[in-house]
């Protein structure tokens, strides 16, 4: 019977909104917007990203899953309703928050056994005694790790990319500035217009950084 409920994933966003709309619009669930998760991400955005990543993984790898359970469990996997960065908070957050999330989700939305077990086991191997038992649980466990790593380290990569873009722009300005001293570098030429645009972009970035 369980196998009959499983099918291939279609469009991840459509699947998420189809089976998770009641969760996403629930007034208590929207409190997650005010709880910080990793770096600049909040728990609401983190949960949505985990849901989309899980659906995308199942779709790309042609894995048949219980789509409603995958959507609901991934959206509710961190439904513990507090900011773990602010003390005092419940002890042993890393290993115990899946149990608190499952209890809150059961109270507010109701869970089937597959959804509850997937939520409770998503912190494996940190919570090593609670091993994922279904393919939905394994996918959520994997998606949660991928999204968390991206949230923690992705901002550093973004800063590095911005620095590289700044260096490239500076090189272009230096090269075009040398050309600007050349009498053949007409003020109405395409290269002169490019020089002005690049200089404007650099000055604008510097002014934003100074604010």
N, C-alpha and C. Protein backbone atom coordinates (compact mmCIF):
# COMPACT_ATOMS: atom_id res chain seq x y z
N UNK A 1 0.83 -1.21 0.00
CA UNK A 1 0.00 0.00 0.00
C UNK A 1 0.86 1.25 0.00
N UNK A 2 1.97 1.23 0.77
CA UNK A 2 2.85 2.39 0.82
C UNK A 2 3.44 2.68 -0.55
N UNK A 3 3.77 1.62 -1.30
CA UNK A 3 4.37 1.81 -2.61
C UNK A 3 3.39 2.50 -3.57
N UNK A 4 2.08 2.24 -3.41
CA UNK A 4 1.10 2.83 -4.30
C UNK A 4 0.99 4.34 -4.13
N UNK A 5 1.34 4.85 -2.95
CA UNK A 5 1.26 6.28 -2.69
C UNK A 5 2.44 7.05 -3.28
N UNK A 6 3.44 6.33 -3.75
CA UNK A 6 4.66 6.99 -4.23
C UNK A 6 4.59 7.21 -5.73
N UNK A 7 5.15 8.34 -6.16
CA UNK A 7 5.18 8.69 -7.58
C UNK A 7 6.36 9.61 -7.82
N UNK A 8 6.61 9.92 -9.10
CA UNK A 8 7.69 10.83 -9.45
C UNK A 8 7.25 12.28 -9.18
N UNK A 9 8.23 13.13 -8.87
CA UNK A 9 7.96 14.54 -8.59
C UNK A 9 7.83 15.30 -9.90
N UNK A 10 6.86 16.19 -9.98
CA UNK A 10 6.73 17.08 -11.13
C UNK A 10 7.49 18.37 -10.87
N UNK A 11 6.89 19.52 -11.05
CA UNK A 11 7.56 20.79 -10.77
C UNK A 11 7.67 20.99 -9.26
N UNK A 12 8.89 21.17 -8.72
CA UNK A 12 9.05 21.28 -7.26
C UNK A 12 8.23 22.40 -6.62
N UNK A 13 8.22 23.58 -7.23
CA UNK A 13 7.48 24.70 -6.64
C UNK A 13 5.97 24.43 -6.63
N UNK A 14 5.48 23.91 -7.72
CA UNK A 14 4.06 23.58 -7.77
C UNK A 14 3.68 22.51 -6.75
N UNK A 15 4.54 21.51 -6.61
CA UNK A 15 4.29 20.46 -5.62
C UNK A 15 4.29 21.05 -4.20
N UNK A 16 5.24 21.93 -3.92
CA UNK A 16 5.32 22.51 -2.58
C UNK A 16 4.07 23.34 -2.27
N UNK A 17 3.65 24.19 -3.20
CA UNK A 17 2.48 25.02 -2.96
C UNK A 17 1.20 24.21 -2.95
N UNK A 18 1.17 23.12 -3.71
CA UNK A 18 -0.02 22.29 -3.75
C UNK A 18 -0.26 21.58 -2.42
N UNK A 19 0.80 21.01 -1.84
CA UNK A 19 0.64 20.22 -0.62
C UNK A 19 1.06 20.97 0.65
N UNK A 20 1.69 22.13 0.51
CA UNK A 20 2.15 22.84 1.70
C UNK A 20 1.57 24.22 1.88
N UNK A 21 0.59 24.60 1.07
CA UNK A 21 0.03 25.95 1.15
C UNK A 21 -0.56 26.23 2.53
N UNK A 22 -1.29 25.26 3.09
CA UNK A 22 -1.90 25.49 4.40
C UNK A 22 -0.85 25.71 5.48
N UNK A 23 0.30 25.05 5.35
CA UNK A 23 1.40 25.23 6.31
C UNK A 23 2.04 26.59 6.12
N UNK A 24 2.37 26.94 4.87
CA UNK A 24 3.08 28.19 4.59
C UNK A 24 2.28 29.41 5.00
N UNK A 25 0.96 29.34 4.94
CA UNK A 25 0.11 30.49 5.25
C UNK A 25 -0.39 30.49 6.70
N UNK A 26 -0.07 29.45 7.45
CA UNK A 26 -0.53 29.36 8.83
C UNK A 26 0.13 30.43 9.69
N UNK A 27 -0.65 31.08 10.55
CA UNK A 27 -0.12 32.22 11.32
C UNK A 27 1.00 31.79 12.28
N UNK A 28 0.91 30.60 12.85
CA UNK A 28 1.98 30.15 13.75
C UNK A 28 3.24 29.80 12.98
N UNK A 29 3.06 29.17 11.83
CA UNK A 29 4.23 28.81 11.02
C UNK A 29 4.98 30.04 10.55
N UNK A 30 4.27 31.12 10.30
CA UNK A 30 4.92 32.34 9.81
C UNK A 30 5.75 33.02 10.91
N UNK A 31 5.64 32.56 12.14
CA UNK A 31 6.53 33.06 13.19
C UNK A 31 7.99 32.68 12.90
N UNK A 32 8.19 31.64 12.09
CA UNK A 32 9.55 31.22 11.76
C UNK A 32 10.31 32.31 11.00
N UNK A 33 9.60 33.26 10.42
CA UNK A 33 10.26 34.37 9.73
C UNK A 33 11.10 35.21 10.69
N UNK A 34 10.75 35.21 11.97
CA UNK A 34 11.46 36.04 12.95
C UNK A 34 12.56 35.28 13.69
N UNK A 35 12.72 33.98 13.38
CA UNK A 35 13.74 33.18 14.05
C UNK A 35 14.93 32.98 13.12
N UNK A 36 16.10 33.42 13.59
CA UNK A 36 17.31 33.27 12.79
C UNK A 36 17.73 31.80 12.74
N UNK A 37 18.22 31.38 11.58
CA UNK A 37 18.66 30.00 11.42
C UNK A 37 20.18 29.94 11.28
N UNK A 38 20.70 30.00 10.07
CA UNK A 38 22.15 30.00 9.84
C UNK A 38 22.53 31.30 9.16
N UNK A 39 23.46 32.03 9.77
CA UNK A 39 23.95 33.29 9.25
C UNK A 39 22.78 34.25 9.04
N UNK A 40 22.48 34.65 7.80
CA UNK A 40 21.42 35.63 7.55
C UNK A 40 20.09 35.00 7.20
N UNK A 41 20.02 33.69 7.19
CA UNK A 41 18.77 33.02 6.83
C UNK A 41 17.88 32.86 8.06
N UNK A 42 16.56 32.92 7.84
CA UNK A 42 15.63 32.63 8.93
C UNK A 42 15.09 31.20 8.78
N UNK A 43 14.39 30.73 9.80
CA UNK A 43 13.95 29.34 9.80
C UNK A 43 12.89 29.08 8.73
N UNK A 44 12.08 30.08 8.44
CA UNK A 44 11.05 29.94 7.39
C UNK A 44 11.72 29.72 6.03
N UNK A 45 12.67 30.60 5.69
CA UNK A 45 13.37 30.47 4.41
C UNK A 45 14.16 29.17 4.34
N UNK A 46 14.79 28.81 5.44
CA UNK A 46 15.55 27.56 5.49
C UNK A 46 14.64 26.37 5.20
N UNK A 47 13.47 26.33 5.82
CA UNK A 47 12.56 25.20 5.64
C UNK A 47 12.05 25.13 4.21
N UNK A 48 11.72 26.28 3.63
CA UNK A 48 11.27 26.30 2.23
C UNK A 48 12.38 25.80 1.30
N UNK A 49 13.61 26.23 1.55
CA UNK A 49 14.73 25.80 0.72
C UNK A 49 14.99 24.29 0.86
N UNK A 50 14.83 23.76 2.06
CA UNK A 50 15.00 22.32 2.26
C UNK A 50 13.92 21.56 1.49
N UNK A 51 12.69 22.06 1.53
CA UNK A 51 11.60 21.42 0.80
C UNK A 51 11.88 21.40 -0.70
N UNK A 52 12.27 22.54 -1.24
CA UNK A 52 12.55 22.61 -2.68
C UNK A 52 13.74 21.74 -3.05
N UNK A 53 14.77 21.72 -2.20
CA UNK A 53 15.96 20.91 -2.49
C UNK A 53 15.61 19.43 -2.46
N UNK A 54 14.78 19.02 -1.51
CA UNK A 54 14.37 17.62 -1.42
C UNK A 54 13.57 17.20 -2.64
N UNK A 55 12.63 18.05 -3.05
CA UNK A 55 11.81 17.73 -4.23
C UNK A 55 12.67 17.70 -5.50
N UNK A 56 13.60 18.64 -5.60
CA UNK A 56 14.47 18.67 -6.77
C UNK A 56 15.37 17.44 -6.83
N UNK A 57 15.88 17.01 -5.68
CA UNK A 57 16.72 15.81 -5.64
C UNK A 57 15.93 14.58 -6.10
N UNK A 58 14.70 14.45 -5.60
CA UNK A 58 13.87 13.31 -6.00
C UNK A 58 13.55 13.37 -7.49
N UNK A 59 13.30 14.58 -8.00
CA UNK A 59 12.97 14.73 -9.42
C UNK A 59 14.18 14.41 -10.30
N UNK A 60 15.35 14.97 -9.96
CA UNK A 60 16.54 14.78 -10.79
C UNK A 60 17.00 13.32 -10.80
N UNK A 61 16.76 12.62 -9.71
CA UNK A 61 17.22 11.23 -9.62
C UNK A 61 16.11 10.21 -9.89
N UNK A 62 14.95 10.73 -10.35
CA UNK A 62 13.82 9.86 -10.73
C UNK A 62 13.47 8.89 -9.60
N UNK A 63 13.32 9.43 -8.39
CA UNK A 63 12.97 8.61 -7.22
C UNK A 63 11.48 8.77 -6.95
N UNK A 64 10.79 7.66 -6.86
CA UNK A 64 9.37 7.71 -6.50
C UNK A 64 9.25 7.96 -4.99
N UNK A 65 8.46 8.97 -4.64
CA UNK A 65 8.30 9.33 -3.23
C UNK A 65 6.83 9.60 -2.93
N UNK A 66 6.51 9.59 -1.65
CA UNK A 66 5.20 10.06 -1.18
C UNK A 66 5.30 11.58 -1.15
N UNK A 67 4.89 12.24 -2.22
CA UNK A 67 5.12 13.68 -2.39
C UNK A 67 4.48 14.50 -1.28
N UNK A 68 3.20 14.29 -0.92
CA UNK A 68 2.63 15.08 0.18
C UNK A 68 3.42 14.95 1.49
N UNK A 69 3.83 13.73 1.82
CA UNK A 69 4.59 13.52 3.06
C UNK A 69 5.97 14.18 2.97
N UNK A 70 6.60 14.11 1.81
CA UNK A 70 7.91 14.74 1.64
C UNK A 70 7.80 16.26 1.80
N UNK A 71 6.78 16.85 1.21
CA UNK A 71 6.58 18.30 1.31
C UNK A 71 6.30 18.70 2.76
N UNK A 72 5.36 18.05 3.39
CA UNK A 72 4.95 18.44 4.74
C UNK A 72 6.08 18.21 5.76
N UNK A 73 6.75 17.07 5.68
CA UNK A 73 7.81 16.79 6.64
C UNK A 73 8.99 17.74 6.46
N UNK A 74 9.33 18.08 5.22
CA UNK A 74 10.46 18.99 4.99
C UNK A 74 10.13 20.41 5.44
N UNK A 75 8.89 20.85 5.24
CA UNK A 75 8.51 22.18 5.71
C UNK A 75 8.45 22.26 7.23
N UNK A 76 8.14 21.16 7.88
CA UNK A 76 7.96 21.16 9.34
C UNK A 76 9.14 20.60 10.11
N UNK A 77 10.24 20.29 9.42
CA UNK A 77 11.34 19.60 10.11
C UNK A 77 12.00 20.47 11.18
N UNK A 78 11.92 21.79 11.08
CA UNK A 78 12.49 22.69 12.09
C UNK A 78 11.41 23.55 12.75
N UNK A 79 10.25 22.98 12.96
CA UNK A 79 9.11 23.71 13.53
C UNK A 79 9.16 23.67 15.06
N UNK A 80 10.29 24.13 15.63
CA UNK A 80 10.46 24.07 17.09
C UNK A 80 10.10 25.40 17.76
N UNK A 81 9.89 26.47 16.97
CA UNK A 81 9.28 27.72 17.44
C UNK A 81 10.09 28.47 18.51
N UNK A 82 11.40 28.55 18.34
CA UNK A 82 12.21 29.45 19.16
C UNK A 82 13.49 29.75 18.39
N UNK A 83 14.20 30.81 18.82
CA UNK A 83 15.47 31.17 18.20
C UNK A 83 16.59 30.55 19.01
N UNK A 84 17.28 29.57 18.43
CA UNK A 84 18.30 28.86 19.19
C UNK A 84 19.57 29.68 19.41
N UNK A 85 19.64 30.87 18.80
CA UNK A 85 20.78 31.75 19.04
C UNK A 85 20.63 32.55 20.33
N UNK A 86 19.40 32.66 20.83
CA UNK A 86 19.11 33.48 22.01
C UNK A 86 18.97 32.57 23.23
N UNK A 87 19.78 32.86 24.24
CA UNK A 87 19.72 32.08 25.47
C UNK A 87 18.90 32.83 26.51
N UNK A 88 18.20 32.11 27.41
CA UNK A 88 18.19 30.64 27.51
C UNK A 88 17.24 30.02 26.48
N UNK A 89 17.64 28.88 25.95
CA UNK A 89 16.78 28.11 25.07
C UNK A 89 16.84 26.65 25.53
N UNK A 90 15.92 25.82 25.09
CA UNK A 90 15.92 24.41 25.54
C UNK A 90 17.29 23.75 25.34
N UNK A 91 17.65 22.91 26.29
CA UNK A 91 18.96 22.25 26.25
C UNK A 91 19.03 21.21 25.13
N UNK A 92 20.26 20.92 24.74
CA UNK A 92 20.55 19.91 23.70
C UNK A 92 19.76 20.20 22.42
N UNK A 93 19.85 21.45 21.97
CA UNK A 93 19.08 21.85 20.79
C UNK A 93 19.41 20.97 19.58
N UNK A 94 20.67 20.72 19.32
CA UNK A 94 21.08 20.02 18.10
C UNK A 94 20.44 18.64 17.99
N UNK A 95 20.31 17.93 19.11
CA UNK A 95 19.79 16.56 19.07
C UNK A 95 18.30 16.48 19.43
N UNK A 96 17.78 17.47 20.17
CA UNK A 96 16.41 17.36 20.65
C UNK A 96 15.40 18.20 19.86
N UNK A 97 15.88 19.15 19.05
CA UNK A 97 14.89 19.99 18.36
C UNK A 97 14.02 19.22 17.36
N UNK A 98 14.49 18.10 16.76
CA UNK A 98 13.57 17.35 15.90
C UNK A 98 12.35 16.82 16.65
N UNK A 99 12.53 16.40 17.90
CA UNK A 99 11.41 15.90 18.70
C UNK A 99 10.43 17.02 19.02
N UNK A 100 10.98 18.20 19.35
CA UNK A 100 10.10 19.34 19.64
C UNK A 100 9.36 19.78 18.39
N UNK A 101 10.05 19.76 17.24
CA UNK A 101 9.40 20.13 15.98
C UNK A 101 8.27 19.16 15.65
N UNK A 102 8.50 17.87 15.86
CA UNK A 102 7.48 16.87 15.57
C UNK A 102 6.26 17.05 16.49
N UNK A 103 6.51 17.35 17.76
CA UNK A 103 5.40 17.56 18.70
C UNK A 103 4.57 18.78 18.29
N UNK A 104 5.24 19.88 17.94
CA UNK A 104 4.52 21.09 17.52
C UNK A 104 3.74 20.85 16.23
N UNK A 105 4.38 20.14 15.29
CA UNK A 105 3.73 19.88 14.01
C UNK A 105 2.51 18.96 14.19
N UNK A 106 2.63 17.98 15.06
CA UNK A 106 1.50 17.10 15.35
C UNK A 106 0.35 17.89 15.95
N UNK A 107 0.66 18.81 16.82
CA UNK A 107 -0.37 19.61 17.48
C UNK A 107 -1.09 20.55 16.50
N UNK A 108 -0.32 21.21 15.62
CA UNK A 108 -0.90 22.26 14.76
C UNK A 108 -1.39 21.76 13.42
N UNK A 109 -0.79 20.68 12.89
CA UNK A 109 -1.12 20.24 11.54
C UNK A 109 -1.51 18.76 11.43
N UNK A 110 -1.12 17.96 12.41
CA UNK A 110 -1.34 16.53 12.31
C UNK A 110 -0.30 15.90 11.39
N UNK A 111 0.19 14.74 11.77
CA UNK A 111 1.23 14.05 11.00
C UNK A 111 0.88 12.59 10.85
N UNK A 112 1.25 12.02 9.70
CA UNK A 112 1.17 10.57 9.58
C UNK A 112 2.49 9.98 10.09
N UNK A 113 2.56 8.68 10.33
CA UNK A 113 3.79 8.08 10.90
C UNK A 113 5.04 8.36 10.06
N UNK A 114 4.91 8.35 8.74
CA UNK A 114 6.07 8.59 7.88
C UNK A 114 6.60 10.02 8.06
N UNK A 115 5.71 10.97 8.14
CA UNK A 115 6.12 12.37 8.31
C UNK A 115 6.78 12.57 9.66
N UNK A 116 6.19 12.01 10.70
CA UNK A 116 6.75 12.18 12.04
C UNK A 116 8.15 11.58 12.14
N UNK A 117 8.33 10.37 11.62
CA UNK A 117 9.65 9.73 11.69
C UNK A 117 10.69 10.49 10.86
N UNK A 118 10.25 11.05 9.73
CA UNK A 118 11.18 11.83 8.90
C UNK A 118 11.65 13.08 9.62
N UNK A 119 10.73 13.74 10.34
CA UNK A 119 11.10 14.94 11.10
C UNK A 119 12.04 14.57 12.24
N UNK A 120 11.71 13.51 12.95
CA UNK A 120 12.50 13.13 14.14
C UNK A 120 13.91 12.65 13.78
N UNK A 121 14.10 12.18 12.56
CA UNK A 121 15.41 11.60 12.19
C UNK A 121 16.24 12.49 11.28
N UNK A 122 15.80 13.74 11.04
CA UNK A 122 16.52 14.56 10.04
C UNK A 122 17.88 15.03 10.53
N UNK A 123 18.16 14.91 11.83
CA UNK A 123 19.47 15.34 12.35
C UNK A 123 20.49 14.21 12.43
N UNK A 124 20.17 13.04 11.84
CA UNK A 124 21.17 11.98 11.77
C UNK A 124 22.33 12.46 10.88
N UNK A 125 23.59 12.20 11.22
CA UNK A 125 24.11 11.33 12.28
C UNK A 125 24.40 12.03 13.60
N UNK A 126 24.08 13.34 13.72
CA UNK A 126 24.32 14.01 15.00
C UNK A 126 23.49 13.33 16.08
N UNK A 127 22.19 13.17 15.78
CA UNK A 127 21.34 12.36 16.66
C UNK A 127 21.41 10.92 16.14
N UNK A 128 22.47 10.21 16.48
CA UNK A 128 22.82 8.96 15.80
C UNK A 128 21.86 7.82 16.11
N UNK A 129 21.08 7.92 17.19
CA UNK A 129 20.16 6.84 17.53
C UNK A 129 18.90 6.86 16.68
N UNK A 130 18.58 8.02 16.10
CA UNK A 130 17.37 8.14 15.28
C UNK A 130 17.78 8.11 13.80
N UNK A 131 17.79 6.93 13.24
CA UNK A 131 18.24 6.72 11.85
C UNK A 131 17.03 6.83 10.92
N UNK A 132 17.16 7.56 9.80
CA UNK A 132 16.05 7.63 8.84
C UNK A 132 15.63 6.24 8.36
N UNK A 133 14.32 6.01 8.30
CA UNK A 133 13.79 4.69 7.97
C UNK A 133 13.14 4.63 6.59
N UNK A 134 12.86 5.77 5.98
CA UNK A 134 12.19 5.79 4.68
C UNK A 134 13.00 6.62 3.70
N UNK A 135 12.70 6.47 2.42
CA UNK A 135 13.41 7.27 1.41
C UNK A 135 13.11 8.74 1.57
N UNK A 136 11.88 9.07 2.01
CA UNK A 136 11.55 10.48 2.26
C UNK A 136 12.41 11.05 3.39
N UNK A 137 12.60 10.26 4.44
CA UNK A 137 13.42 10.71 5.56
C UNK A 137 14.88 10.90 5.15
N UNK A 138 15.41 9.98 4.35
CA UNK A 138 16.79 10.11 3.88
C UNK A 138 16.96 11.34 2.99
N UNK A 139 15.99 11.61 2.14
CA UNK A 139 16.08 12.77 1.24
C UNK A 139 16.04 14.06 2.04
N UNK A 140 15.17 14.14 3.05
CA UNK A 140 15.09 15.35 3.88
C UNK A 140 16.38 15.53 4.67
N UNK A 141 16.92 14.45 5.19
CA UNK A 141 18.20 14.51 5.92
C UNK A 141 19.30 15.07 5.02
N UNK A 142 19.36 14.58 3.79
CA UNK A 142 20.37 15.05 2.83
C UNK A 142 20.13 16.52 2.45
N UNK A 143 18.88 16.87 2.15
CA UNK A 143 18.57 18.24 1.72
C UNK A 143 18.86 19.25 2.83
N UNK A 144 18.57 18.88 4.07
CA UNK A 144 18.83 19.77 5.20
C UNK A 144 20.32 20.06 5.33
N UNK A 145 21.16 19.05 5.14
CA UNK A 145 22.61 19.27 5.23
C UNK A 145 23.10 20.17 4.09
N UNK A 146 22.58 19.94 2.89
CA UNK A 146 23.01 20.75 1.74
C UNK A 146 22.65 22.21 1.94
N UNK A 147 21.43 22.48 2.37
CA UNK A 147 20.97 23.86 2.55
C UNK A 147 21.73 24.53 3.69
N UNK A 148 21.94 23.80 4.79
CA UNK A 148 22.65 24.37 5.93
C UNK A 148 24.08 24.75 5.56
N UNK A 149 24.77 23.88 4.82
CA UNK A 149 26.14 24.17 4.40
C UNK A 149 26.17 25.40 3.51
N UNK A 150 25.21 25.50 2.61
CA UNK A 150 25.16 26.66 1.72
C UNK A 150 24.89 27.94 2.51
N UNK A 151 24.03 27.86 3.52
CA UNK A 151 23.72 29.04 4.33
C UNK A 151 24.91 29.48 5.17
N UNK A 152 25.68 28.52 5.66
CA UNK A 152 26.82 28.85 6.52
C UNK A 152 28.00 29.37 5.71
N UNK A 153 28.31 28.71 4.59
CA UNK A 153 29.51 29.05 3.83
C UNK A 153 29.24 29.81 2.54
N UNK A 154 28.00 29.84 2.09
CA UNK A 154 27.69 30.51 0.83
C UNK A 154 27.96 32.00 0.85
N UNK A 155 27.76 32.65 2.03
CA UNK A 155 27.98 34.10 2.11
C UNK A 155 29.45 34.46 1.93
N UNK A 156 30.36 33.56 2.35
CA UNK A 156 31.79 33.81 2.16
C UNK A 156 32.15 33.77 0.68
N UNK A 157 31.56 32.81 -0.04
CA UNK A 157 31.80 32.73 -1.48
C UNK A 157 31.26 33.97 -2.19
N UNK A 158 30.12 34.49 -1.70
CA UNK A 158 29.54 35.68 -2.31
C UNK A 158 30.47 36.88 -2.14
N UNK A 159 31.06 37.03 -0.94
CA UNK A 159 32.00 38.13 -0.71
C UNK A 159 33.22 38.01 -1.60
N UNK A 160 33.73 36.76 -1.76
CA UNK A 160 34.89 36.55 -2.63
C UNK A 160 34.57 36.90 -4.08
N UNK A 161 33.37 36.53 -4.54
CA UNK A 161 32.97 36.88 -5.91
C UNK A 161 32.87 38.38 -6.10
N UNK A 162 32.33 39.08 -5.08
CA UNK A 162 32.24 40.53 -5.17
C UNK A 162 33.63 41.17 -5.22
N UNK A 163 34.57 40.62 -4.45
CA UNK A 163 35.93 41.15 -4.46
C UNK A 163 36.58 40.95 -5.83
N UNK A 164 36.38 39.78 -6.43
CA UNK A 164 36.94 39.52 -7.75
C UNK A 164 36.33 40.45 -8.80
N UNK A 165 35.03 40.70 -8.71
CA UNK A 165 34.40 41.63 -9.65
C UNK A 165 34.97 43.04 -9.49
N UNK A 166 35.23 43.43 -8.26
CA UNK A 166 35.80 44.75 -8.00
C UNK A 166 37.19 44.87 -8.62
N UNK A 167 37.99 43.81 -8.49
CA UNK A 167 39.34 43.81 -9.07
C UNK A 167 39.27 43.92 -10.59
N UNK A 168 38.37 43.14 -11.20
CA UNK A 168 38.23 43.19 -12.66
C UNK A 168 37.78 44.58 -13.13
N UNK A 169 36.87 45.18 -12.39
CA UNK A 169 36.41 46.53 -12.75
C UNK A 169 37.54 47.54 -12.64
N UNK A 170 38.35 47.42 -11.59
CA UNK A 170 39.48 48.34 -11.42
C UNK A 170 40.46 48.21 -12.58
N UNK A 171 40.69 46.96 -13.02
CA UNK A 171 41.61 46.76 -14.14
C UNK A 171 41.06 47.39 -15.41
N UNK A 172 39.75 47.26 -15.62
CA UNK A 172 39.14 47.86 -16.81
C UNK A 172 39.24 49.37 -16.76
N UNK A 173 39.00 49.95 -15.58
CA UNK A 173 39.09 51.41 -15.45
C UNK A 173 40.51 51.88 -15.70
N UNK A 174 41.50 51.14 -15.17
CA UNK A 174 42.89 51.53 -15.37
C UNK A 174 43.25 51.49 -16.86
N UNK A 175 42.82 50.41 -17.55
CA UNK A 175 43.12 50.30 -18.98
C UNK A 175 42.44 51.39 -19.79
N UNK A 176 41.18 51.66 -19.46
CA UNK A 176 40.45 52.68 -20.20
C UNK A 176 40.94 54.09 -19.86
N UNK A 177 41.43 54.26 -18.63
CA UNK A 177 41.97 55.57 -18.26
C UNK A 177 43.22 55.89 -19.07
N UNK A 178 44.04 54.85 -19.31
CA UNK A 178 45.22 55.08 -20.14
C UNK A 178 44.81 55.44 -21.56
N UNK A 179 43.74 54.80 -22.03
CA UNK A 179 43.25 55.13 -23.36
C UNK A 179 42.67 56.54 -23.41
N UNK A 180 42.12 56.97 -22.27
CA UNK A 180 41.49 58.30 -22.25
C UNK A 180 42.50 59.40 -22.52
N UNK A 181 43.78 59.15 -22.17
CA UNK A 181 44.81 60.14 -22.44
C UNK A 181 45.26 60.17 -23.88
N UNK A 182 44.82 59.18 -24.62
CA UNK A 182 45.18 59.09 -26.04
C UNK A 182 44.27 60.00 -26.85
N UNK A 183 44.84 60.87 -27.71
CA UNK A 183 44.01 61.77 -28.51
C UNK A 183 43.05 61.02 -29.44
N UNK A 184 43.36 59.76 -29.76
CA UNK A 184 42.47 58.98 -30.62
C UNK A 184 41.27 58.43 -29.87
N UNK A 185 41.27 58.60 -28.53
CA UNK A 185 40.18 58.10 -27.69
C UNK A 185 39.09 59.18 -27.65
N UNK A 186 38.22 59.19 -28.61
CA UNK A 186 37.20 60.24 -28.74
C UNK A 186 36.20 60.13 -27.61
N UNK A 187 35.76 61.28 -27.10
CA UNK A 187 34.83 61.29 -25.98
C UNK A 187 33.47 60.70 -26.36
N UNK A 188 33.14 60.71 -27.59
CA UNK A 188 31.86 60.16 -28.00
C UNK A 188 31.93 58.71 -28.43
N UNK A 189 33.09 58.07 -28.28
CA UNK A 189 33.26 56.70 -28.76
C UNK A 189 32.59 55.71 -27.81
N UNK A 190 32.46 54.47 -28.29
CA UNK A 190 31.84 53.41 -27.48
C UNK A 190 32.70 53.10 -26.27
N UNK A 191 34.04 53.07 -26.46
CA UNK A 191 34.93 52.74 -25.35
C UNK A 191 34.89 53.81 -24.27
N UNK A 192 34.72 55.06 -24.65
CA UNK A 192 34.64 56.13 -23.65
C UNK A 192 33.33 55.99 -22.85
N UNK A 193 32.26 55.64 -23.55
CA UNK A 193 31.00 55.41 -22.85
C UNK A 193 31.11 54.26 -21.87
N UNK A 194 31.83 53.18 -22.26
CA UNK A 194 32.04 52.05 -21.37
C UNK A 194 32.86 52.48 -20.16
N UNK A 195 33.86 53.30 -20.38
CA UNK A 195 34.68 53.83 -19.29
C UNK A 195 33.83 54.58 -18.27
N UNK A 196 32.91 55.41 -18.75
CA UNK A 196 32.07 56.18 -17.84
C UNK A 196 31.12 55.27 -17.05
N UNK A 197 30.59 54.26 -17.71
CA UNK A 197 29.67 53.36 -17.02
C UNK A 197 30.39 52.56 -15.93
N UNK A 198 31.58 52.07 -16.25
CA UNK A 198 32.34 51.30 -15.26
C UNK A 198 32.71 52.18 -14.07
N UNK A 199 33.15 53.41 -14.35
CA UNK A 199 33.52 54.32 -13.27
C UNK A 199 32.30 54.63 -12.39
N UNK A 200 31.16 54.78 -13.01
CA UNK A 200 29.93 55.04 -12.25
C UNK A 200 29.58 53.86 -11.35
N UNK A 201 29.72 52.64 -11.88
CA UNK A 201 29.40 51.46 -11.08
C UNK A 201 30.31 51.33 -9.87
N UNK A 202 31.60 51.62 -10.03
CA UNK A 202 32.54 51.53 -8.91
C UNK A 202 32.21 52.58 -7.85
N UNK A 203 31.96 53.80 -8.29
CA UNK A 203 31.63 54.86 -7.33
C UNK A 203 30.34 54.56 -6.58
N UNK A 204 29.38 53.95 -7.28
CA UNK A 204 28.12 53.60 -6.63
C UNK A 204 28.32 52.52 -5.58
N UNK A 205 29.15 51.51 -5.90
CA UNK A 205 29.43 50.46 -4.92
C UNK A 205 30.13 51.02 -3.70
N UNK A 206 31.08 51.93 -3.92
CA UNK A 206 31.80 52.52 -2.79
C UNK A 206 30.88 53.34 -1.90
N UNK A 207 29.95 54.06 -2.52
CA UNK A 207 29.01 54.87 -1.72
C UNK A 207 28.09 53.98 -0.90
N UNK A 208 27.65 52.81 -1.47
CA UNK A 208 26.80 51.89 -0.71
C UNK A 208 27.57 51.27 0.45
N UNK A 209 28.85 50.96 0.22
CA UNK A 209 29.66 50.35 1.28
C UNK A 209 29.91 51.32 2.42
N UNK A 210 29.91 52.63 2.11
CA UNK A 210 30.19 53.63 3.11
C UNK A 210 28.99 53.90 4.01
N UNK A 211 27.79 53.52 3.53
CA UNK A 211 26.57 53.79 4.31
C UNK A 211 26.50 52.87 5.53
